[in-house]
Amino acid sequence: MLKGDKNKDGTYEKQPVIVQGITGKFGSVHTKLMLEYGTNIVAGVTPGKGGQKFEDVPIYETVTEAVSATGAKISIVFVPAKFFLNAAKEAFEAGIKLLVAIPEHVPVRDTMQAIEIAKQNNAIMVGPNTPGIIIPNLIKIGIMPASPFAEGNIAVLSKSGTLLYEISNSLTTSGFGQIFTLGIGGDPINGTRMIDAFDMIKDKSELDGIVIVGEIGGEAEETLAQHIIDIEFKKPIVAYIAGRKAPREKRMGHAGAIIMGNYGSAESKIAMFSKANIPVAKRPTEVPILLAGKIRKK
């Protein structure tokens, strides 16, 4: 969906994107940055400001109007958390097929309802509390800085936004550009789980390897490791787990980053990755070193 069809010159057609909350404090700042990157933002949605423009992007009263006028199937949402459910519902019912949800601290019940509505409409939701998605040199749908990323053939899937940037930068400076990077989101419930993100990209022929950036808490990494074993995935994978030294039963930053007993511990995640033949870096800068070793052995 993100790349669209190939043009005659071999480049990809840039998919149209709408911004819900385009005139808000964060929406306006990041719309400018996404436009500067080259993202094809074709419309914004802000109730009460229909008919106006922001950075030459037309603003509509509703998502339905924006979709009808532009044919966009992708939306990024910057509305406050308390308004997120209504914004997501409106988007999915208007025909949006990929929703990138930026707000953090969305009530869990609202997130669960939004995920259900997405399923009912055969759509995908990334987030909430995601930094977004970037395909370097093609499209940026999110709040990540552009400088850490470069075009290449490595996918990066991350629970942490900051580590997504840091590890992608380490990869870039080591000569490993990225084909696709996605932030899962830091809220306790995610519209796109780590395993879902993996399945999005695992069959891409251009893919040379995958970096998984996990963290303590939950079982996303263990579930993904078992999935990788089950499907006998052969391409190189390297992982990093944040929070190895975090005290147990203390919440560390993200809402999902908490260990209870052995559940969600770094040890359990590392053990499962080891079982799947996936090396786990001890520090972010070690990721490209391990990846280079895996690719040489391929």
C-alpha atoms as a PDB file:
ATOM      1  CA  MET A   1       0.000   0.000   0.000  1.00  0.00           C
ATOM      2  CA  LEU A   2       2.707   2.513   0.948  1.00  0.00           C
ATOM      3  CA  LYS A   3       4.753   2.203  -2.220  1.00  0.00           C
ATOM      4  CA  GLY A   4       1.914   2.075  -4.710  1.00  0.00           C
ATOM      5  CA  ASP A   5       2.503   1.168  -8.357  1.00  0.00           C
ATOM      6  CA  LYS A   6       5.783   1.566 -10.201  1.00  0.00           C
ATOM      7  CA  ASN A   7       6.138   4.399 -12.680  1.00  0.00           C
ATOM      8  CA  LYS A   8       7.711   3.841 -16.110  1.00  0.00           C
ATOM      9  CA  ASP A   9      11.065   5.128 -14.843  1.00  0.00           C
ATOM     10  CA  GLY A  10      11.159   2.488 -12.104  1.00  0.00           C
ATOM     11  CA  THR A  11      10.261   4.853  -9.253  1.00  0.00           C
ATOM     12  CA  TYR A  12       7.199   4.311  -7.097  1.00  0.00           C
ATOM     13  CA  GLU A  13       4.053   6.385  -7.199  1.00  0.00           C
ATOM     14  CA  LYS A  14       3.660   8.218  -3.902  1.00  0.00           C
ATOM     15  CA  GLN A  15       0.435   7.301  -2.159  1.00  0.00           C
ATOM     16  CA  PRO A  16      -1.862  10.149  -1.047  1.00  0.00           C
ATOM     17  CA  VAL A  17      -2.087  10.803   2.700  1.00  0.00           C
ATOM     18  CA  ILE A  18      -4.529  12.860   4.769  1.00  0.00           C
ATOM     19  CA  VAL A  19      -3.818  14.446   8.156  1.00  0.00           C
ATOM     20  CA  GLN A  20      -6.514  14.458  10.839  1.00  0.00           C
ATOM     21  CA  GLY A  21      -5.823  17.385  13.150  1.00  0.00           C
ATOM     22  CA  ILE A  22      -3.690  19.204  10.578  1.00  0.00           C
ATOM     23  CA  THR A  23      -4.059  22.643  12.182  1.00  0.00           C
ATOM     24  CA  GLY A  24      -3.273  21.566  15.750  1.00  0.00           C
ATOM     25  CA  LYS A  25       0.020  22.279  17.514  1.00  0.00           C
ATOM     26  CA  PHE A  26       1.654  18.959  16.637  1.00  0.00           C
ATOM     27  CA  GLY A  27      -0.255  18.282  13.453  1.00  0.00           C
ATOM     28  CA  SER A  28       0.867  21.528  11.853  1.00  0.00           C
ATOM     29  CA  VAL A  29       4.543  21.095  12.789  1.00  0.00           C
ATOM     30  CA  HIS A  30       4.769  17.524  11.558  1.00  0.00           C
ATOM     31  CA  THR A  31       2.703  18.148   8.441  1.00  0.00           C
ATOM     32  CA  LYS A  32       5.351  20.669   7.367  1.00  0.00           C
ATOM     33  CA  LEU A  33       8.130  18.158   8.062  1.00  0.00           C
ATOM     34  CA  MET A  34       6.357  15.360   6.213  1.00  0.00           C
ATOM     35  CA  LEU A  35       5.786  17.632   3.227  1.00  0.00           C
ATOM     36  CA  GLU A  36       9.457  18.638   3.264  1.00  0.00           C
ATOM     37  CA  TYR A  37      10.360  14.941   3.174  1.00  0.00           C
ATOM     38  CA  GLY A  38       8.230  14.456   0.093  1.00  0.00           C
ATOM     39  CA  THR A  39       5.189  12.723   1.574  1.00  0.00           C
ATOM     40  CA  ASN A  40       2.198  13.221  -0.701  1.00  0.00           C
ATOM     41  CA  ILE A  41      -0.144  14.942   1.756  1.00  0.00           C
ATOM     42  CA  VAL A  42      -3.277  15.755  -0.209  1.00  0.00           C
ATOM     43  CA  ALA A  43      -5.739  16.883   2.461  1.00  0.00           C
ATOM     44  CA  GLY A  44      -6.209  17.811   6.076  1.00  0.00           C
ATOM     45  CA  VAL A  45      -9.230  17.436   8.325  1.00  0.00           C
ATOM     46  CA  THR A  46     -10.167  19.960  11.018  1.00  0.00           C
ATOM     47  CA  PRO A  47     -13.848  20.491  11.901  1.00  0.00           C
ATOM     48  CA  GLY A  48     -14.732  24.168  11.614  1.00  0.00           C
ATOM     49  CA  LYS A  49     -11.883  24.962   9.198  1.00  0.00           C
ATOM     50  CA  GLY A  50     -13.187  23.332   6.034  1.00  0.00           C
ATOM     51  CA  GLY A  51     -12.413  25.350   2.916  1.00  0.00           C
ATOM     52  CA  GLN A  52      -9.173  26.770   4.329  1.00  0.00           C
ATOM     53  CA  LYS A  53      -5.651  25.668   3.407  1.00  0.00           C
ATOM     54  CA  PHE A  54      -2.524  24.798   5.369  1.00  0.00           C
ATOM     55  CA  GLU A  55       0.765  24.885   3.439  1.00  0.00           C
ATOM     56  CA  ASP A  56      -1.374  24.757   0.266  1.00  0.00           C
ATOM     57  CA  VAL A  57      -3.032  21.554   1.513  1.00  0.00           C
ATOM     58  CA  PRO A  58      -6.848  21.838   1.387  1.00  0.00           C
ATOM     59  CA  ILE A  59      -8.689  21.336   4.674  1.00  0.00           C
ATOM     60  CA  TYR A  60     -12.009  19.511   4.919  1.00  0.00           C
ATOM     61  CA  GLU A  61     -14.643  19.303   7.618  1.00  0.00           C
ATOM     62  CA  THR A  62     -14.769  15.502   7.618  1.00  0.00           C
ATOM     63  CA  VAL A  63     -12.641  12.518   6.592  1.00  0.00           C
ATOM     64  CA  THR A  64     -15.431  11.435   4.250  1.00  0.00           C
ATOM     65  CA  GLU A  65     -15.104  14.705   2.338  1.00  0.00           C
ATOM     66  CA  ALA A  66     -11.308  14.424   2.239  1.00  0.00           C
ATOM     67  CA  VAL A  67     -11.385  10.829   0.992  1.00  0.00           C
ATOM     68  CA  SER A  68     -14.058  11.623  -1.577  1.00  0.00           C
ATOM     69  CA  ALA A  69     -12.018  14.527  -2.948  1.00  0.00           C
ATOM     70  CA  THR A  70      -8.610  12.805  -2.985  1.00  0.00           C
ATOM     71  CA  GLY A  71      -9.084   9.034  -3.009  1.00  0.00           C
ATOM     72  CA  ALA A  72      -6.629   8.741  -0.096  1.00  0.00           C
ATOM     73  CA  LYS A  73      -6.509   5.440   1.788  1.00  0.00           C
ATOM     74  CA  ILE A  74      -3.907   6.512   4.373  1.00  0.00           C
ATOM     75  CA  SER A  75      -4.413   8.858   7.327  1.00  0.00           C
ATOM     76  CA  ILE A  76      -2.222  10.078  10.161  1.00  0.00           C
ATOM     77  CA  VAL A  77      -4.009  11.224  13.310  1.00  0.00           C
ATOM     78  CA  PHE A  78      -2.826  14.040  15.605  1.00  0.00           C
ATOM     79  CA  VAL A  79      -5.989  14.646  17.637  1.00  0.00           C
ATOM     80  CA  PRO A  80      -5.840  14.580  21.472  1.00  0.00           C
ATOM     81  CA  ALA A  81      -6.178  11.125  23.033  1.00  0.00           C
ATOM     82  CA  LYS A  82      -9.714  11.712  24.297  1.00  0.00           C
ATOM     83  CA  PHE A  83     -10.918  12.368  20.738  1.00  0.00           C
ATOM     84  CA  PHE A  84      -8.977   9.515  19.140  1.00  0.00           C
ATOM     85  CA  LEU A  85     -11.721   6.881  19.062  1.00  0.00           C
ATOM     86  CA  ASN A  86     -14.140   9.146  17.197  1.00  0.00           C
ATOM     87  CA  ALA A  87     -11.384  10.167  14.758  1.00  0.00           C
ATOM     88  CA  ALA A  88     -10.417   6.545  14.093  1.00  0.00           C
ATOM     89  CA  LYS A  89     -14.043   5.470  13.660  1.00  0.00           C
ATOM     90  CA  GLU A  90     -14.675   8.286  11.213  1.00  0.00           C
ATOM     91  CA  ALA A  91     -11.542   7.394   9.236  1.00  0.00           C
ATOM     92  CA  PHE A  92     -12.246   3.673   8.932  1.00  0.00           C
ATOM     93  CA  GLU A  93     -15.877   4.203   8.028  1.00  0.00           C
ATOM     94  CA  ALA A  94     -14.796   6.714   5.346  1.00  0.00           C
ATOM     95  CA  GLY A  95     -12.576   4.122   3.664  1.00  0.00           C
ATOM     96  CA  ILE A  96      -9.144   4.693   5.222  1.00  0.00           C
ATOM     97  CA  LYS A  97      -7.166   1.437   5.087  1.00  0.00           C
ATOM     98  CA  LEU A  98      -4.022   2.476   6.991  1.00  0.00           C
ATOM     99  CA  LEU A  99      -4.304   4.685  10.065  1.00  0.00           C
ATOM    100  CA  VAL A 100      -1.156   5.927  11.829  1.00  0.00           C
ATOM    101  CA  ALA A 101      -2.153   6.863  15.374  1.00  0.00           C
ATOM    102  CA  ILE A 102       0.234   9.372  16.982  1.00  0.00           C
ATOM    103  CA  PRO A 103      -1.559  10.274  20.268  1.00  0.00           C
ATOM    104  CA  GLU A 104      -0.299   8.640  23.456  1.00  0.00           C
ATOM    105  CA  HIS A 105      -2.243   7.600  26.543  1.00  0.00           C
ATOM    106  CA  VAL A 106      -5.332   6.689  24.553  1.00  0.00           C
ATOM    107  CA  PRO A 107      -7.709   4.876  26.951  1.00  0.00           C
ATOM    108  CA  VAL A 108      -7.232   1.127  26.537  1.00  0.00           C
ATOM    109  CA  ARG A 109     -10.926   0.593  25.951  1.00  0.00           C
ATOM    110  CA  ASP A 110     -10.892   3.176  23.146  1.00  0.00           C
ATOM    111  CA  THR A 111      -7.886   1.513  21.513  1.00  0.00           C
ATOM    112  CA  MET A 112      -9.566  -1.890  21.660  1.00  0.00           C
ATOM    113  CA  GLN A 113     -12.703  -0.472  20.071  1.00  0.00           C
ATOM    114  CA  ALA A 114     -10.660   1.223  17.349  1.00  0.00           C
ATOM    115  CA  ILE A 115      -8.851  -2.045  16.582  1.00  0.00           C
ATOM    116  CA  GLU A 116     -12.183  -3.844  16.282  1.00  0.00           C
ATOM    117  CA  ILE A 117     -13.562  -1.174  13.940  1.00  0.00           C
ATOM    118  CA  ALA A 118     -10.397  -1.448  11.842  1.00  0.00           C
ATOM    119  CA  LYS A 119     -10.891  -5.218  11.525  1.00  0.00           C
ATOM    120  CA  GLN A 120     -14.525  -4.753  10.558  1.00  0.00           C
ATOM    121  CA  ASN A 121     -13.417  -2.444   7.749  1.00  0.00           C
ATOM    122  CA  ASN A 122     -10.453  -4.575   6.619  1.00  0.00           C
ATOM    123  CA  ALA A 123      -8.042  -1.816   7.671  1.00  0.00           C
ATOM    124  CA  ILE A 124      -4.755  -1.543   9.596  1.00  0.00           C
ATOM    125  CA  MET A 125      -4.037   0.699  12.571  1.00  0.00           C
ATOM    126  CA  VAL A 126      -0.469   1.447  13.677  1.00  0.00           C
ATOM    127  CA  GLY A 127      -0.177   2.750  17.242  1.00  0.00           C
ATOM    128  CA  PRO A 128      -1.409   4.524  19.298  1.00  0.00           C
ATOM    129  CA  ASN A 129       1.690   6.314  20.595  1.00  0.00           C
ATOM    130  CA  THR A 130       3.670   5.374  17.495  1.00  0.00           C
ATOM    131  CA  PRO A 131       6.411   7.502  15.919  1.00  0.00           C
ATOM    132  CA  GLY A 132       5.025   6.264  12.600  1.00  0.00           C
ATOM    133  CA  ILE A 133       6.335   4.592   9.459  1.00  0.00           C
ATOM    134  CA  ILE A 134       9.103   5.611   7.090  1.00  0.00           C
ATOM    135  CA  ILE A 135      10.239   4.132   3.791  1.00  0.00           C
ATOM    136  CA  PRO A 136      13.420   6.152   3.262  1.00  0.00           C
ATOM    137  CA  ASN A 137      13.455   8.490   0.263  1.00  0.00           C
ATOM    138  CA  LEU A 138       9.814   7.690  -0.478  1.00  0.00           C
ATOM    139  CA  ILE A 139       7.352   8.395   2.320  1.00  0.00           C
ATOM    140  CA  LYS A 140       7.355   9.488   5.956  1.00  0.00           C
ATOM    141  CA  ILE A 141       4.098   9.139   7.887  1.00  0.00           C
ATOM    142  CA  GLY A 142       4.985  10.099  11.418  1.00  0.00           C
ATOM    143  CA  ILE A 143       7.019  12.257  13.758  1.00  0.00           C
ATOM    144  CA  MET A 144      10.461  10.673  13.360  1.00  0.00           C
ATOM    145  CA  PRO A 145      13.395  12.859  12.305  1.00  0.00           C
ATOM    146  CA  ALA A 146      14.526  12.181   8.748  1.00  0.00           C
ATOM    147  CA  SER A 147      18.305  12.240   9.234  1.00  0.00           C
ATOM    148  CA  PRO A 148      18.826   8.763  10.815  1.00  0.00           C
ATOM    149  CA  PHE A 149      17.289   6.938   7.865  1.00  0.00           C
ATOM    150  CA  ALA A 150      18.697   6.006   4.466  1.00  0.00           C
ATOM    151  CA  GLU A 151      17.391   3.899   1.602  1.00  0.00           C
ATOM    152  CA  GLY A 152      18.409   0.256   1.673  1.00  0.00           C
ATOM    153  CA  ASN A 153      17.234  -3.301   2.286  1.00  0.00           C
ATOM    154  CA  ILE A 154      16.941  -3.715   6.079  1.00  0.00           C
ATOM    155  CA  ALA A 155      13.607  -3.552   7.916  1.00  0.00           C
ATOM    156  CA  VAL A 156      13.520  -2.132  11.447  1.00  0.00           C
ATOM    157  CA  LEU A 157      10.563  -2.934  13.716  1.00  0.00           C
ATOM    158  CA  SER A 158      10.666  -1.171  17.070  1.00  0.00           C
ATOM    159  CA  LYS A 159       8.640  -0.800  20.244  1.00  0.00           C
ATOM    160  CA  SER A 160      10.641   2.312  21.149  1.00  0.00           C
ATOM    161  CA  GLY A 161      10.535   5.462  19.062  1.00  0.00           C
ATOM    162  CA  THR A 162      13.858   6.827  20.317  1.00  0.00           C
ATOM    163  CA  LEU A 163      15.619   3.510  19.770  1.00  0.00           C
ATOM    164  CA  LEU A 164      14.091   3.267  16.309  1.00  0.00           C
ATOM    165  CA  TYR A 165      15.951   6.472  15.447  1.00  0.00           C
ATOM    166  CA  GLU A 166      19.169   5.556  17.263  1.00  0.00           C
ATOM    167  CA  ILE A 167      19.496   2.051  15.847  1.00  0.00           C
ATOM    168  CA  SER A 168      18.494   3.128  12.348  1.00  0.00           C
ATOM    169  CA  ASN A 169      21.196   5.790  12.536  1.00  0.00           C
ATOM    170  CA  SER A 170      23.757   3.148  13.583  1.00  0.00           C
ATOM    171  CA  LEU A 171      22.660   0.983  10.676  1.00  0.00           C
ATOM    172  CA  THR A 172      22.870   3.889   8.250  1.00  0.00           C
ATOM    173  CA  THR A 173      26.373   4.907   9.327  1.00  0.00           C
ATOM    174  CA  SER A 174      27.440   1.254   8.966  1.00  0.00           C
ATOM    175  CA  GLY A 175      26.129   1.058   5.406  1.00  0.00           C
ATOM    176  CA  PHE A 176      22.832  -0.700   6.116  1.00  0.00           C
ATOM    177  CA  GLY A 177      20.036   1.429   4.684  1.00  0.00           C
ATOM    178  CA  GLN A 178      16.411   0.645   5.416  1.00  0.00           C
ATOM    179  CA  ILE A 179      13.616  -0.643   3.208  1.00  0.00           C
ATOM    180  CA  PHE A 180      10.923  -0.124   5.862  1.00  0.00           C
ATOM    181  CA  THR A 181      10.845   1.027   9.483  1.00  0.00           C
ATOM    182  CA  LEU A 182       7.859   1.000  11.816  1.00  0.00           C
ATOM    183  CA  GLY A 183       7.272   2.018  15.412  1.00  0.00           C
ATOM    184  CA  ILE A 184       4.836  -0.357  17.115  1.00  0.00           C
ATOM    185  CA  GLY A 185       3.788   2.214  19.708  1.00  0.00           C
ATOM    186  CA  GLY A 186       4.332   2.580  23.424  1.00  0.00           C
ATOM    187  CA  ASP A 187       0.767   2.276  24.713  1.00  0.00           C
ATOM    188  CA  PRO A 188      -0.213  -1.054  26.332  1.00  0.00           C
ATOM    189  CA  ILE A 189      -2.412  -2.153  23.404  1.00  0.00           C
ATOM    190  CA  ASN A 190      -1.141  -1.833  19.836  1.00  0.00           C
ATOM    191  CA  GLY A 191      -3.183  -1.879  16.657  1.00  0.00           C
ATOM    192  CA  THR A 192      -0.242  -3.499  14.863  1.00  0.00           C
ATOM    193  CA  ARG A 193       1.654  -6.000  16.982  1.00  0.00           C
ATOM    194  CA  MET A 194       5.295  -6.903  16.427  1.00  0.00           C
ATOM    195  CA  ILE A 195       4.224 -10.157  14.749  1.00  0.00           C
ATOM    196  CA  ASP A 196       1.832  -8.249  12.451  1.00  0.00           C
ATOM    197  CA  ALA A 197       4.585  -5.845  11.396  1.00  0.00           C
ATOM    198  CA  PHE A 198       6.904  -8.791  10.716  1.00  0.00           C
ATOM    199  CA  ASP A 199       4.293 -10.442   8.506  1.00  0.00           C
ATOM    200  CA  MET A 200       3.897  -7.196   6.548  1.00  0.00           C
ATOM    201  CA  ILE A 201       7.473  -7.337   5.274  1.00  0.00           C
ATOM    202  CA  LYS A 202       8.746 -10.919   5.598  1.00  0.00           C
ATOM    203  CA  ASP A 203       7.989 -11.882   1.988  1.00  0.00           C
ATOM    204  CA  LYS A 204       9.485  -8.823   0.275  1.00  0.00           C
ATOM    205  CA  SER A 205      12.053 -10.009  -2.255  1.00  0.00           C
ATOM    206  CA  GLU A 206      14.267  -6.935  -1.738  1.00  0.00           C
ATOM    207  CA  LEU A 207      14.536  -7.593   2.010  1.00  0.00           C
ATOM    208  CA  ASP A 208      18.069  -8.515   3.143  1.00  0.00           C
ATOM    209  CA  GLY A 209      17.490  -8.628   6.888  1.00  0.00           C
ATOM    210  CA  ILE A 210      15.387  -7.487   9.851  1.00  0.00           C
ATOM    211  CA  VAL A 211      16.206  -5.693  13.097  1.00  0.00           C
ATOM    212  CA  ILE A 212      13.759  -6.178  15.983  1.00  0.00           C
ATOM    213  CA  VAL A 213      13.915  -3.566  18.733  1.00  0.00           C
ATOM    214  CA  GLY A 214      12.013  -4.831  21.751  1.00  0.00           C
ATOM    215  CA  GLU A 215      11.817  -3.969  25.413  1.00  0.00           C
ATOM    216  CA  ILE A 216      10.930  -5.589  28.694  1.00  0.00           C
ATOM    217  CA  GLY A 217       7.274  -6.226  29.443  1.00  0.00           C
ATOM    218  CA  GLY A 218       4.624  -8.175  27.584  1.00  0.00           C
ATOM    219  CA  GLU A 219       5.214 -11.182  25.377  1.00  0.00           C
ATOM    220  CA  ALA A 220       5.430  -9.635  21.892  1.00  0.00           C
ATOM    221  CA  GLU A 221       9.039 -10.654  21.378  1.00  0.00           C
ATOM    222  CA  GLU A 222       8.532 -14.233  22.591  1.00  0.00           C
ATOM    223  CA  THR A 223       5.483 -14.614  20.356  1.00  0.00           C
ATOM    224  CA  LEU A 224       7.380 -13.279  17.357  1.00  0.00           C
ATOM    225  CA  ALA A 225      10.401 -15.528  18.015  1.00  0.00           C
ATOM    226  CA  GLN A 226       8.144 -18.598  18.106  1.00  0.00           C
ATOM    227  CA  HIS A 227       6.458 -17.458  14.888  1.00  0.00           C
ATOM    228  CA  ILE A 228       9.855 -17.122  13.193  1.00  0.00           C
ATOM    229  CA  ILE A 229      10.688 -20.678  14.281  1.00  0.00           C
ATOM    230  CA  ASP A 230       7.317 -21.997  13.120  1.00  0.00           C
ATOM    231  CA  ILE A 231       7.550 -20.540   9.597  1.00  0.00           C
ATOM    232  CA  GLU A 232      11.267 -21.404   9.310  1.00  0.00           C
ATOM    233  CA  PHE A 233      12.168 -17.856   8.264  1.00  0.00           C
ATOM    234  CA  LYS A 234      15.719 -17.866   6.922  1.00  0.00           C
ATOM    235  CA  LYS A 235      16.754 -14.268   6.304  1.00  0.00           C
ATOM    236  CA  PRO A 236      19.141 -12.628   8.827  1.00  0.00           C
ATOM    237  CA  ILE A 237      17.539 -11.173  11.964  1.00  0.00           C
ATOM    238  CA  VAL A 238      19.166  -9.290  14.851  1.00  0.00           C
ATOM    239  CA  ALA A 239      17.412  -8.070  18.000  1.00  0.00           C
ATOM    240  CA  TYR A 240      17.934  -5.587  20.796  1.00  0.00           C
ATOM    241  CA  ILE A 241      16.027  -5.590  24.102  1.00  0.00           C
ATOM    242  CA  ALA A 242      15.791  -2.340  26.059  1.00  0.00           C
ATOM    243  CA  GLY A 243      15.534  -2.375  29.840  1.00  0.00           C
ATOM    244  CA  ARG A 244      17.803  -5.320  30.701  1.00  0.00           C
ATOM    245  CA  LYS A 245      18.768  -3.699  34.014  1.00  0.00           C
ATOM    246  CA  ALA A 246      15.331  -2.383  34.930  1.00  0.00           C
ATOM    247  CA  PRO A 247      14.049  -3.366  38.393  1.00  0.00           C
ATOM    248  CA  ARG A 248      11.202  -5.864  38.440  1.00  0.00           C
ATOM    249  CA  GLU A 249       7.618  -4.781  39.003  1.00  0.00           C
ATOM    250  CA  LYS A 250       8.450  -1.150  38.241  1.00  0.00           C
ATOM    251  CA  ARG A 251       6.931   0.641  35.284  1.00  0.00           C
ATOM    252  CA  MET A 252       9.691   1.930  33.019  1.00  0.00           C
ATOM    253  CA  GLY A 253       8.563   4.633  30.599  1.00  0.00           C
ATOM    254  CA  HIS A 254       6.163   2.907  28.243  1.00  0.00           C
ATOM    255  CA  ALA A 255       2.883   1.701  29.640  1.00  0.00           C
ATOM    256  CA  GLY A 256       3.664  -1.844  28.561  1.00  0.00           C
ATOM    257  CA  ALA A 257       7.215  -1.952  29.933  1.00  0.00           C
ATOM    258  CA  ILE A 258       6.766  -3.762  33.226  1.00  0.00           C
ATOM    259  CA  ILE A 259       8.009  -7.149  34.447  1.00  0.00           C
ATOM    260  CA  MET A 260       6.018  -9.330  36.830  1.00  0.00           C
ATOM    261  CA  GLY A 261       8.075 -12.291  38.052  1.00  0.00           C
ATOM    262  CA  ASN A 262       9.699 -13.819  34.974  1.00  0.00           C
ATOM    263  CA  TYR A 263       6.873 -12.658  32.714  1.00  0.00           C
ATOM    264  CA  GLY A 264       8.142 -10.158  30.150  1.00  0.00           C
ATOM    265  CA  SER A 265      11.720 -10.262  31.425  1.00  0.00           C
ATOM    266  CA  ALA A 266      14.727  -9.559  29.234  1.00  0.00           C
ATOM    267  CA  GLU A 267      15.966 -13.068  30.060  1.00  0.00           C
ATOM    268  CA  SER A 268      12.838 -14.744  28.678  1.00  0.00           C
ATOM    269  CA  LYS A 269      12.973 -12.677  25.489  1.00  0.00           C
ATOM    270  CA  ILE A 270      16.671 -13.304  24.941  1.00  0.00           C
ATOM    271  CA  ALA A 271      16.156 -17.024  25.532  1.00  0.00           C
ATOM    272  CA  MET A 272      13.402 -17.181  22.922  1.00  0.00           C
ATOM    273  CA  PHE A 273      15.449 -15.226  20.398  1.00  0.00           C
ATOM    274  CA  SER A 274      18.363 -17.578  21.022  1.00  0.00           C
ATOM    275  CA  LYS A 275      16.054 -20.517  20.342  1.00  0.00           C
ATOM    276  CA  ALA A 276      15.174 -18.858  17.010  1.00  0.00           C
ATOM    277  CA  ASN A 277      18.881 -18.329  16.205  1.00  0.00           C
ATOM    278  CA  ILE A 278      18.534 -14.559  16.552  1.00  0.00           C
ATOM    279  CA  PRO A 279      21.490 -12.811  18.251  1.00  0.00           C
ATOM    280  CA  VAL A 280      20.612 -10.076  20.744  1.00  0.00           C
ATOM    281  CA  ALA A 281      22.815  -6.988  20.883  1.00  0.00           C
ATOM    282  CA  LYS A 282      23.921  -5.772  24.316  1.00  0.00           C
ATOM    283  CA  ARG A 283      23.941  -2.163  23.146  1.00  0.00           C
ATOM    284  CA  PRO A 284      22.421  -0.352  20.145  1.00  0.00           C
ATOM    285  CA  THR A 285      25.779   0.182  18.430  1.00  0.00           C
ATOM    286  CA  GLU A 286      26.323  -3.578  18.357  1.00  0.00           C
ATOM    287  CA  VAL A 287      23.287  -4.151  16.122  1.00  0.00           C
ATOM    288  CA  PRO A 288      25.009  -3.439  12.759  1.00  0.00           C
ATOM    289  CA  ILE A 289      28.030  -5.541  13.802  1.00  0.00           C
ATOM    290  CA  LEU A 290      25.837  -8.563  14.517  1.00  0.00           C
ATOM    291  CA  LEU A 291      23.831  -7.947  11.364  1.00  0.00           C
ATOM    292  CA  ALA A 292      26.974  -7.852   9.232  1.00  0.00           C
ATOM    293  CA  GLY A 293      28.020 -11.174  10.747  1.00  0.00           C
ATOM    294  CA  LYS A 294      24.646 -12.745   9.989  1.00  0.00           C
ATOM    295  CA  ILE A 295      24.607 -11.473   6.403  1.00  0.00           C
ATOM    296  CA  ARG A 296      28.159 -12.749   5.748  1.00  0.00           C
ATOM    297  CA  LYS A 297      27.125 -16.209   6.955  1.00  0.00           C
ATOM    298  CA  LYS A 298      23.995 -16.198   4.779  1.00  0.00           C
END
